Amino acid sequence: MIDWKSEWKVLAWGLGIFAALFWLPVGESRFDGAVTEALALTRWYAREHVLLCLVPAFFIAGAIASFVSQAAVMKYLGPKAPKVVAYGVASVSGAILAVCSCTVLPLFAGIHTMGAGLGPATAFLYSGPAINVLAVILTASVLGAKLGAARAIGAVLFALVIGGLMAVIFRRSEQEREAAAMAMPDPDDVRPLGQTAAFFAAQVAILVFANWARPDDPTGVWFAVWRAKWWLTSAGAIALALILVRWYGLALWKVVAVGLPTAALALARPEHPALAFTAGVIGLGLVTAWDQGELGRWFESSWGYAKLILPLLLGGVLVAGLLLGRPGHEGLIPSGWVEGAVGGNGFGATLFASVAGALMYFATLTEVPILQGLIGSGMGPGPALALLLAGPALSLPNMIVIASVIGWKKTSVYIGLVVVMATITGLIYGTFIA
């Protein structure tokens, strides 16, 4: 006799999947175009973000788990750390990295796993993509100084307020997590702070400069940095190699074996710097994967974060492309609906801008030209600010991964806080300031 109390779920899932496949609207232009956009967006993400953004972030997250003592994380970011120190470190760290909503995820997972309090960890999670100095400057130059200043001030306040509210709302579960972390013994061999700081600085330099976006203004410091971005990335890679040899016991011949083909590719194909970057990443992976000591543990931790996060991210990007398409291209949801819904400066338009921004995926700096087009279509200043505050920090792929780290309950509250605060801030700005 079949136990339908347990088997009905299997039957329901089976019937649902069958019905979806049976009535799949293959051949309809809207559906076929959305599928093409989903695949195109995923291909673009794989080409532009996985190698240059996520792979360095995975190595940094693995380094946090392998080389940063839990006591150090608890001291500066733990639940009992001084609030000024914890939230100050979280906000400043995010601002320095200036990454997108997906690249920040391995780093967030790393510090949270190592014992960072939920408040500082979520402050870091928001500040990484939102407090981006170059993005704020681009916003001010393209969309106006007033909107740029509002974005900068709002993003800093959001990081602090959202982190503080998350800590207060989930203080009971944080107390249990803190007690469990305190019970774990500290490692016996703690590396000097200067060595660890230099190790992370070299990796952060690689991540930041390899992803430095070209500014619109072909003059000034930011453009000069962009022109020299691959030289600066190379300097970070050389520094990392020297640090690994000097302080982490990596054999010099292994560095030479990785460095020579990487340099040869850089010189032979300077128009395709990603080839040399790929060679360097593969070489670093090989020499650390086969190491029997702490470098092997570093690769193992990095690989663990990659297995956890990358499939969820790519799946989320695929769904986001299916629903919303790419900028200038249609998904299942017509872009005209979005443009019509964010028109004006009322509550409905501001709320919709916050929700839409939270669901859409914005690569670093792309939100500014997208917003410029929406403003040209009638978007008010309040919804514009709301989208700027909610969009870069959240996305559908981002939400899925956050939930895998802290659970859907905490993730839902975090998303809700971002959307509500973005809406309120947008209304205040659009009504009284703009």
Protein backbone atom coordinates (compact mmCIF):
# COMPACT_ATOMS: atom_id res chain seq x y z
CA MET A 1 0.00 0.00 0.00
CA ILE A 2 1.44 3.36 -1.03
CA ASP A 3 1.84 5.88 1.77
CA TRP A 4 0.32 8.94 0.09
CA LYS A 5 1.14 11.13 3.09
CA SER A 6 4.74 11.15 1.90
CA GLU A 7 4.35 10.27 -1.78
CA TRP A 8 1.96 13.08 -2.70
CA LYS A 9 4.86 15.54 -2.84
CA VAL A 10 6.66 13.37 -5.38
CA LEU A 11 3.48 13.13 -7.46
CA ALA A 12 2.86 16.89 -7.25
CA TRP A 13 6.41 17.70 -8.37
CA GLY A 14 6.19 15.19 -11.19
CA LEU A 15 2.88 16.53 -12.45
CA GLY A 16 4.08 20.11 -12.19
CA ILE A 17 7.25 19.45 -14.18
CA PHE A 18 5.33 17.45 -16.78
CA ALA A 19 2.72 20.23 -17.19
CA ALA A 20 5.44 22.86 -17.55
CA LEU A 21 7.20 20.82 -20.24
CA PHE A 22 3.93 19.92 -21.97
CA TRP A 23 2.82 23.55 -22.32
CA LEU A 24 6.29 24.99 -22.86
CA PRO A 25 5.76 27.90 -25.30
CA VAL A 26 8.57 26.91 -27.64
CA GLY A 27 8.28 28.75 -30.95
CA GLU A 28 6.76 31.92 -29.51
CA SER A 29 9.03 34.88 -30.15
CA ARG A 30 8.85 36.21 -26.57
CA PHE A 31 9.83 32.87 -25.04
CA ASP A 32 12.50 32.01 -27.61
CA GLY A 33 14.00 35.47 -27.26
CA ALA A 34 14.03 35.18 -23.46
CA VAL A 35 15.84 31.82 -23.64
CA THR A 36 18.42 33.36 -25.97
CA GLU A 37 18.86 36.30 -23.59
CA ALA A 38 19.26 33.95 -20.61
CA LEU A 39 22.03 32.05 -22.38
CA ALA A 40 23.63 35.25 -23.67
CA LEU A 41 23.68 36.86 -20.22
CA THR A 42 25.13 33.69 -18.67
CA ARG A 43 27.81 33.52 -21.37
CA TRP A 44 28.67 37.18 -20.82
CA TYR A 45 28.83 36.63 -17.06
CA ALA A 46 31.09 33.60 -17.49
CA ARG A 47 33.43 35.53 -19.78
CA GLU A 48 33.54 38.84 -17.93
CA HIS A 49 33.12 37.98 -14.26
CA VAL A 50 33.96 34.40 -13.37
CA LEU A 51 37.66 34.52 -14.24
CA LEU A 52 38.58 38.11 -13.34
CA CYS A 53 36.17 38.65 -10.43
CA LEU A 54 35.07 35.42 -8.82
CA VAL A 55 38.25 33.34 -9.05
CA PRO A 56 40.38 35.93 -7.18
CA ALA A 57 37.50 36.32 -4.70
CA PHE A 58 37.44 32.55 -4.11
CA PHE A 59 41.17 32.58 -3.38
CA ILE A 60 40.74 35.49 -0.96
CA ALA A 61 37.83 33.74 0.78
CA GLY A 62 39.89 30.56 1.04
CA ALA A 63 42.77 32.58 2.48
CA ILE A 64 40.46 34.03 5.12
CA ALA A 65 39.45 30.51 6.16
CA SER A 66 43.04 29.18 6.08
CA PHE A 67 45.29 31.99 7.28
CA VAL A 68 43.14 34.30 9.42
CA SER A 69 42.63 33.04 12.96
CA GLN A 70 39.12 32.90 14.27
CA ALA A 71 40.26 34.92 17.26
CA ALA A 72 41.28 37.79 14.97
CA VAL A 73 37.92 37.79 13.17
CA MET A 74 36.06 37.68 16.48
CA LYS A 75 38.22 40.51 17.84
CA TYR A 76 37.41 42.95 15.03
CA LEU A 77 34.12 41.68 13.56
CA GLY A 78 32.66 39.35 16.19
CA PRO A 79 29.45 39.99 18.17
CA LYS A 80 31.40 41.30 21.18
CA ALA A 81 33.77 43.52 19.20
CA PRO A 82 33.37 47.27 19.80
CA LYS A 83 30.59 48.42 17.49
CA VAL A 84 32.60 51.33 16.10
CA VAL A 85 35.47 49.00 15.23
CA ALA A 86 33.31 46.19 13.82
CA TYR A 87 31.09 48.31 11.60
CA GLY A 88 33.92 50.67 10.68
CA VAL A 89 36.12 47.79 9.51
CA ALA A 90 33.22 46.16 7.63
CA SER A 91 32.23 49.36 5.82
CA VAL A 92 35.76 50.46 4.96
CA SER A 93 36.71 46.98 3.71
CA GLY A 94 33.75 46.91 1.39
CA ALA A 95 34.49 50.38 0.07
CA ILE A 96 38.10 49.48 -0.70
CA LEU A 97 37.15 46.32 -2.62
CA ALA A 98 34.52 48.04 -4.81
CA VAL A 99 33.18 44.77 -6.22
CA CYS A 100 29.81 43.80 -7.70
CA SER A 101 26.97 42.10 -5.82
CA CYS A 102 28.19 38.64 -6.84
CA THR A 103 31.95 39.02 -6.35
CA VAL A 104 31.44 40.09 -2.73
CA LEU A 105 29.68 36.80 -1.90
CA PRO A 106 32.74 34.53 -1.41
CA LEU A 107 34.29 37.18 0.83
CA PHE A 108 31.08 37.52 2.84
CA ALA A 109 30.86 33.74 3.22
CA GLY A 110 34.50 33.63 4.34
CA ILE A 111 34.27 36.21 7.13
CA HIS A 112 30.86 34.92 8.29
CA THR A 113 32.11 31.33 8.46
CA MET A 114 35.13 32.46 10.49
CA GLY A 115 32.93 34.01 13.17
CA ALA A 116 32.12 37.57 12.09
CA GLY A 117 28.92 38.85 13.65
CA LEU A 118 25.85 38.96 11.45
CA GLY A 119 25.67 42.74 11.71
CA PRO A 120 29.23 43.52 10.56
CA ALA A 121 29.06 40.71 7.98
CA THR A 122 25.90 42.10 6.37
CA ALA A 123 27.31 45.64 6.57
CA PHE A 124 30.29 44.33 4.59
CA LEU A 125 27.93 42.49 2.22
CA TYR A 126 26.08 45.72 1.41
CA SER A 127 29.06 48.09 1.39
CA GLY A 128 31.18 46.05 -1.05
CA PRO A 129 29.11 46.74 -4.17
CA ALA A 130 27.25 49.85 -2.94
CA ILE A 131 30.08 52.05 -1.60
CA ASN A 132 32.07 52.14 -4.82
CA VAL A 133 34.04 55.37 -5.11
CA LEU A 134 34.34 55.20 -8.90
CA ALA A 135 30.62 54.44 -9.27
CA VAL A 136 29.70 57.40 -7.06
CA ILE A 137 31.93 59.72 -9.10
CA LEU A 138 30.44 58.39 -12.35
CA THR A 139 26.93 58.91 -10.97
CA ALA A 140 27.72 62.51 -10.06
CA SER A 141 29.30 63.29 -13.44
CA VAL A 142 26.58 61.66 -15.57
CA LEU A 143 23.42 62.06 -13.48
CA GLY A 144 24.26 65.17 -11.46
CA ALA A 145 26.19 66.07 -8.32
CA LYS A 146 23.09 66.03 -6.12
CA LEU A 147 22.17 62.44 -7.02
CA GLY A 148 25.81 61.35 -6.71
CA ALA A 149 26.07 62.85 -3.21
CA ALA A 150 22.75 61.30 -2.18
CA ARG A 151 23.98 57.90 -3.38
CA ALA A 152 27.25 58.20 -1.45
CA ILE A 153 25.62 59.31 1.81
CA GLY A 154 22.76 56.83 1.50
CA ALA A 155 25.05 53.87 0.81
CA VAL A 156 27.24 54.53 3.87
CA LEU A 157 24.22 54.96 6.13
CA PHE A 158 22.54 51.88 4.66
CA ALA A 159 25.56 49.68 5.42
CA LEU A 160 25.59 50.80 9.06
CA VAL A 161 21.82 50.77 9.65
CA ILE A 162 21.13 47.47 7.88
CA GLY A 163 24.00 45.75 9.68
CA GLY A 164 22.82 47.10 13.03
CA LEU A 165 19.21 46.06 12.44
CA MET A 166 20.23 42.55 11.36
CA ALA A 167 22.25 42.17 14.56
CA VAL A 168 19.31 43.33 16.70
CA ILE A 169 16.66 41.24 14.93
CA PHE A 170 18.70 38.02 15.13
CA ARG A 171 20.51 38.65 18.40
CA ARG A 172 19.39 35.34 19.94
CA SER A 173 20.76 33.17 17.14
CA GLU A 174 23.91 35.29 17.13
CA GLN A 175 24.45 34.59 20.83
CA GLU A 176 24.27 30.84 20.16
CA ARG A 177 26.66 31.16 17.22
CA GLU A 178 29.06 33.24 19.31
CA ALA A 179 29.10 30.64 22.07
CA ALA A 180 29.90 27.89 19.55
CA ALA A 181 32.70 29.95 18.02
CA MET A 182 34.22 30.76 21.40
CA ALA A 183 34.39 27.06 22.21
CA MET A 184 36.68 26.34 19.25
CA PRO A 185 40.43 26.35 20.04
CA ASP A 186 42.69 28.91 18.41
CA PRO A 187 45.46 27.70 16.09
CA ASP A 188 48.89 27.33 17.72
CA ASP A 189 50.93 28.82 14.88
CA VAL A 190 49.69 32.35 14.27
CA ARG A 191 51.52 34.10 11.46
CA PRO A 192 52.77 37.68 12.06
CA LEU A 193 50.19 40.31 11.19
CA GLY A 194 52.45 42.05 8.67
CA GLN A 195 52.89 38.89 6.60
CA THR A 196 49.15 38.17 6.56
CA ALA A 197 48.34 41.79 5.67
CA ALA A 198 50.81 41.79 2.77
CA PHE A 199 49.44 38.44 1.54
CA PHE A 200 45.89 39.80 1.43
CA ALA A 201 46.93 43.19 0.03
CA ALA A 202 48.55 41.52 -2.99
CA GLN A 203 45.40 39.47 -3.68
CA VAL A 204 43.10 42.46 -3.24
CA ALA A 205 45.28 44.47 -5.64
CA ILE A 206 44.91 41.74 -8.27
CA LEU A 207 41.13 41.67 -7.79
CA VAL A 208 40.66 45.45 -7.85
CA PHE A 209 42.98 46.38 -10.72
CA ALA A 210 42.05 43.47 -12.99
CA ASN A 211 38.43 44.65 -12.82
CA TRP A 212 39.06 48.40 -13.02
CA ALA A 213 36.43 49.77 -15.39
CA ARG A 214 37.16 52.43 -17.98
CA PRO A 215 35.78 55.82 -16.93
CA ASP A 216 33.97 58.00 -19.45
CA ASP A 217 36.31 60.94 -18.88
CA PRO A 218 39.57 60.20 -20.78
CA THR A 219 41.56 62.38 -18.37
CA GLY A 220 42.42 62.36 -14.70
CA VAL A 221 43.60 59.81 -12.16
CA TRP A 222 40.89 57.19 -12.74
CA PHE A 223 41.62 57.01 -16.45
CA ALA A 224 45.36 56.80 -15.77
CA VAL A 225 44.75 53.88 -13.44
CA TRP A 226 42.63 52.18 -16.09
CA ARG A 227 45.38 52.54 -18.70
CA ALA A 228 47.88 50.99 -16.29
CA LYS A 229 45.47 48.38 -14.87
CA TRP A 230 47.29 45.32 -16.23
CA TRP A 231 50.68 46.64 -15.15
CA LEU A 232 49.27 47.16 -11.68
CA THR A 233 47.66 43.71 -11.75
CA SER A 234 51.02 42.23 -12.75
CA ALA A 235 52.70 44.06 -9.88
CA GLY A 236 50.20 42.51 -7.48
CA ALA A 237 50.85 39.06 -8.96
CA ILE A 238 54.63 39.46 -8.64
CA ALA A 239 54.23 40.63 -5.04
CA LEU A 240 52.02 37.60 -4.30
CA ALA A 241 54.61 35.25 -5.82
CA LEU A 242 57.41 36.74 -3.71
CA ILE A 243 55.30 36.52 -0.57
CA LEU A 244 54.45 32.87 -1.24
CA VAL A 245 58.14 32.02 -1.71
CA ARG A 246 59.46 34.09 1.21
CA TRP A 247 56.87 33.43 3.91
CA TYR A 248 54.70 30.52 2.81
CA GLY A 249 57.33 28.04 1.67
CA LEU A 250 56.44 27.79 -2.02
CA ALA A 251 59.38 26.44 -4.03
CA LEU A 252 60.99 29.02 -6.30
CA TRP A 253 61.05 26.66 -9.28
CA LYS A 254 57.26 26.37 -9.11
CA VAL A 255 56.91 30.13 -9.29
CA VAL A 256 59.25 30.23 -12.28
CA ALA A 257 57.32 27.38 -13.95
CA VAL A 258 54.09 29.37 -13.61
CA GLY A 259 55.55 32.82 -14.25
CA LEU A 260 57.41 32.13 -17.50
CA PRO A 261 54.43 30.96 -19.61
CA THR A 262 52.26 33.66 -18.05
CA ALA A 263 54.77 36.37 -18.98
CA ALA A 264 55.22 34.86 -22.45
CA LEU A 265 51.47 35.03 -23.10
CA ALA A 266 51.33 38.61 -21.81
CA LEU A 267 54.09 39.67 -24.19
CA ALA A 268 52.88 37.63 -27.18
CA ARG A 269 49.18 38.61 -26.89
CA PRO A 270 49.02 41.99 -25.13
CA GLU A 271 45.63 42.65 -26.75
CA HIS A 272 44.18 39.69 -24.82
CA PRO A 273 45.43 40.09 -21.23
CA ALA A 274 42.86 37.57 -19.99
CA LEU A 275 44.97 34.79 -21.56
CA ALA A 276 47.94 35.58 -19.32
CA PHE A 277 45.60 36.01 -16.35
CA THR A 278 44.11 32.58 -17.04
CA ALA A 279 47.55 30.98 -17.24
CA GLY A 280 48.51 32.54 -13.92
CA VAL A 281 45.31 31.39 -12.22
CA ILE A 282 45.68 27.82 -13.52
CA GLY A 283 49.32 27.75 -12.44
CA LEU A 284 48.50 29.03 -8.95
CA GLY A 285 45.75 26.43 -8.66
CA LEU A 286 48.07 23.60 -9.68
CA VAL A 287 50.96 24.49 -7.36
CA THR A 288 48.66 24.97 -4.36
CA ALA A 289 46.37 21.99 -5.04
CA TRP A 290 49.25 19.52 -4.84
CA ASP A 291 50.85 21.11 -1.78
CA GLN A 292 50.70 18.99 1.37
CA GLY A 293 50.86 21.90 3.81
CA GLU A 294 49.06 25.17 4.42
CA LEU A 295 49.00 26.16 0.74
CA GLY A 296 47.11 22.95 0.03
CA ARG A 297 44.60 23.87 2.73
CA TRP A 298 44.27 27.29 1.09
CA PHE A 299 43.35 25.72 -2.24
CA GLU A 300 40.98 23.27 -0.54
CA SER A 301 39.10 26.10 1.18
CA SER A 302 38.96 28.14 -2.05
CA TRP A 303 37.67 25.12 -3.97
CA GLY A 304 35.01 24.57 -1.30
CA TYR A 305 33.67 28.10 -1.75
CA ALA A 306 33.72 27.71 -5.53
CA LYS A 307 31.67 24.50 -5.36
CA LEU A 308 29.16 26.13 -3.02
CA ILE A 309 28.71 29.47 -4.75
CA LEU A 310 29.45 29.21 -8.48
CA PRO A 311 26.61 26.81 -9.50
CA LEU A 312 24.07 28.90 -7.60
CA LEU A 313 25.36 32.11 -9.15
CA LEU A 314 25.29 30.81 -12.72
CA GLY A 315 21.81 29.39 -12.18
CA GLY A 316 20.63 32.71 -10.79
CA VAL A 317 22.12 34.64 -13.71
CA LEU A 318 20.35 32.26 -16.11
CA VAL A 319 16.98 32.91 -14.43
CA ALA A 320 17.61 36.67 -14.28
CA GLY A 321 18.40 36.72 -18.01
CA LEU A 322 15.27 34.70 -18.78
CA LEU A 323 13.03 37.11 -16.87
CA LEU A 324 14.66 40.49 -17.49
CA GLY A 325 17.08 39.99 -20.39
CA ARG A 326 20.17 42.15 -20.87
CA PRO A 327 20.29 45.94 -21.09
CA GLY A 328 18.67 46.85 -24.38
CA HIS A 329 17.25 43.34 -24.90
CA GLU A 330 13.94 41.78 -23.90
CA GLY A 331 13.32 38.91 -21.49
CA LEU A 332 9.97 37.42 -20.52
CA ILE A 333 9.14 40.67 -18.71
CA PRO A 334 8.87 43.47 -21.31
CA SER A 335 11.22 46.38 -20.62
CA GLY A 336 8.33 48.73 -21.42
CA TRP A 337 6.56 47.51 -18.29
CA VAL A 338 9.58 48.48 -16.21
CA GLU A 339 9.92 51.89 -17.86
CA GLY A 340 6.22 52.59 -17.37
CA ALA A 341 6.20 51.45 -13.75
CA VAL A 342 9.11 53.68 -12.66
CA GLY A 343 7.77 56.84 -14.32
CA GLY A 344 7.10 59.82 -12.10
CA ASN A 345 8.07 60.26 -8.48
CA GLY A 346 5.32 58.60 -6.42
CA PHE A 347 5.33 55.80 -3.88
CA GLY A 348 4.42 53.08 -6.38
CA ALA A 349 7.18 54.06 -8.79
CA THR A 350 9.75 54.30 -5.99
CA LEU A 351 8.78 50.94 -4.50
CA PHE A 352 8.84 49.29 -7.92
CA ALA A 353 12.28 50.78 -8.63
CA SER A 354 13.58 49.31 -5.36
CA VAL A 355 12.13 45.85 -6.05
CA ALA A 356 13.21 45.82 -9.70
CA GLY A 357 16.69 47.01 -8.77
CA ALA A 358 16.95 44.29 -6.12
CA LEU A 359 16.11 41.58 -8.66
CA MET A 360 18.17 42.82 -11.62
CA TYR A 361 21.86 42.07 -11.98
CA PHE A 362 24.11 45.11 -12.45
CA ALA A 363 27.76 44.66 -13.27
CA THR A 364 29.96 47.32 -11.68
CA LEU A 365 29.22 50.80 -13.16
CA THR A 366 26.57 49.54 -15.62
CA GLU A 367 23.75 50.85 -13.44
CA VAL A 368 24.61 54.46 -14.39
CA PRO A 369 23.99 54.27 -18.17
CA ILE A 370 20.93 52.06 -17.57
CA LEU A 371 19.55 54.64 -15.17
CA GLN A 372 20.38 57.43 -17.59
CA GLY A 373 18.14 55.76 -20.17
CA LEU A 374 15.31 55.28 -17.65
CA ILE A 375 15.49 58.92 -16.57
CA GLY A 376 15.26 59.90 -20.22
CA SER A 377 12.07 57.78 -20.39
CA GLY A 378 10.45 59.70 -17.53
CA MET A 379 11.85 58.15 -14.35
CA GLY A 380 11.70 60.54 -11.37
CA PRO A 381 14.65 61.38 -9.08
CA GLY A 382 13.19 59.44 -6.13
CA PRO A 383 12.90 56.11 -7.98
CA ALA A 384 16.32 56.77 -9.51
CA LEU A 385 17.98 57.01 -6.09
CA ALA A 386 16.01 53.99 -4.84
CA LEU A 387 17.30 51.90 -7.73
CA LEU A 388 20.87 53.12 -7.13
CA LEU A 389 20.68 52.10 -3.46
CA ALA A 390 19.00 48.71 -3.96
CA GLY A 391 20.34 47.64 -7.36
CA PRO A 392 24.12 47.32 -7.03
CA ALA A 393 23.90 45.61 -3.62
CA LEU A 394 21.31 42.97 -4.54
CA SER A 395 20.42 40.72 -7.46
CA LEU A 396 18.55 37.48 -7.94
CA PRO A 397 21.77 35.41 -8.16
CA ASN A 398 23.11 37.27 -5.11
CA MET A 399 20.00 36.42 -3.06
CA ILE A 400 20.24 32.70 -3.81
CA VAL A 401 23.85 32.52 -2.62
CA ILE A 402 23.24 34.62 0.50
CA ALA A 403 20.48 32.20 1.47
CA SER A 404 22.89 29.26 1.13
CA VAL A 405 25.20 30.97 3.66
CA ILE A 406 22.82 32.38 6.30
CA GLY A 407 19.45 30.79 5.44
CA TRP A 408 16.33 32.14 3.77
CA LYS A 409 14.88 33.69 6.94
CA LYS A 410 17.83 36.03 7.49
CA THR A 411 18.19 36.59 3.75
CA SER A 412 14.54 37.62 3.44
CA VAL A 413 14.93 40.12 6.27
CA TYR A 414 18.10 41.52 4.68
CA ILE A 415 16.36 41.90 1.29
CA GLY A 416 13.34 43.50 2.96
CA LEU A 417 15.50 46.01 4.83
CA VAL A 418 17.31 47.04 1.65
CA VAL A 419 14.08 47.43 -0.33
CA VAL A 420 12.19 49.29 2.42
CA MET A 421 15.07 51.65 3.20
CA ALA A 422 15.70 52.32 -0.49
CA THR A 423 12.01 53.14 -0.97
CA ILE A 424 11.82 55.47 2.03
CA THR A 425 15.07 57.21 1.11
CA GLY A 426 13.92 57.61 -2.49
CA LEU A 427 10.62 59.13 -1.39
CA ILE A 428 12.35 61.60 0.94
CA TYR A 429 14.86 62.56 -1.74
CA GLY A 430 12.28 62.87 -4.52
CA THR A 431 9.80 64.85 -2.40
CA PHE A 432 11.96 67.19 -0.35
CA ILE A 433 15.47 67.34 -1.82
CA ALA A 434 15.54 66.77 -5.58
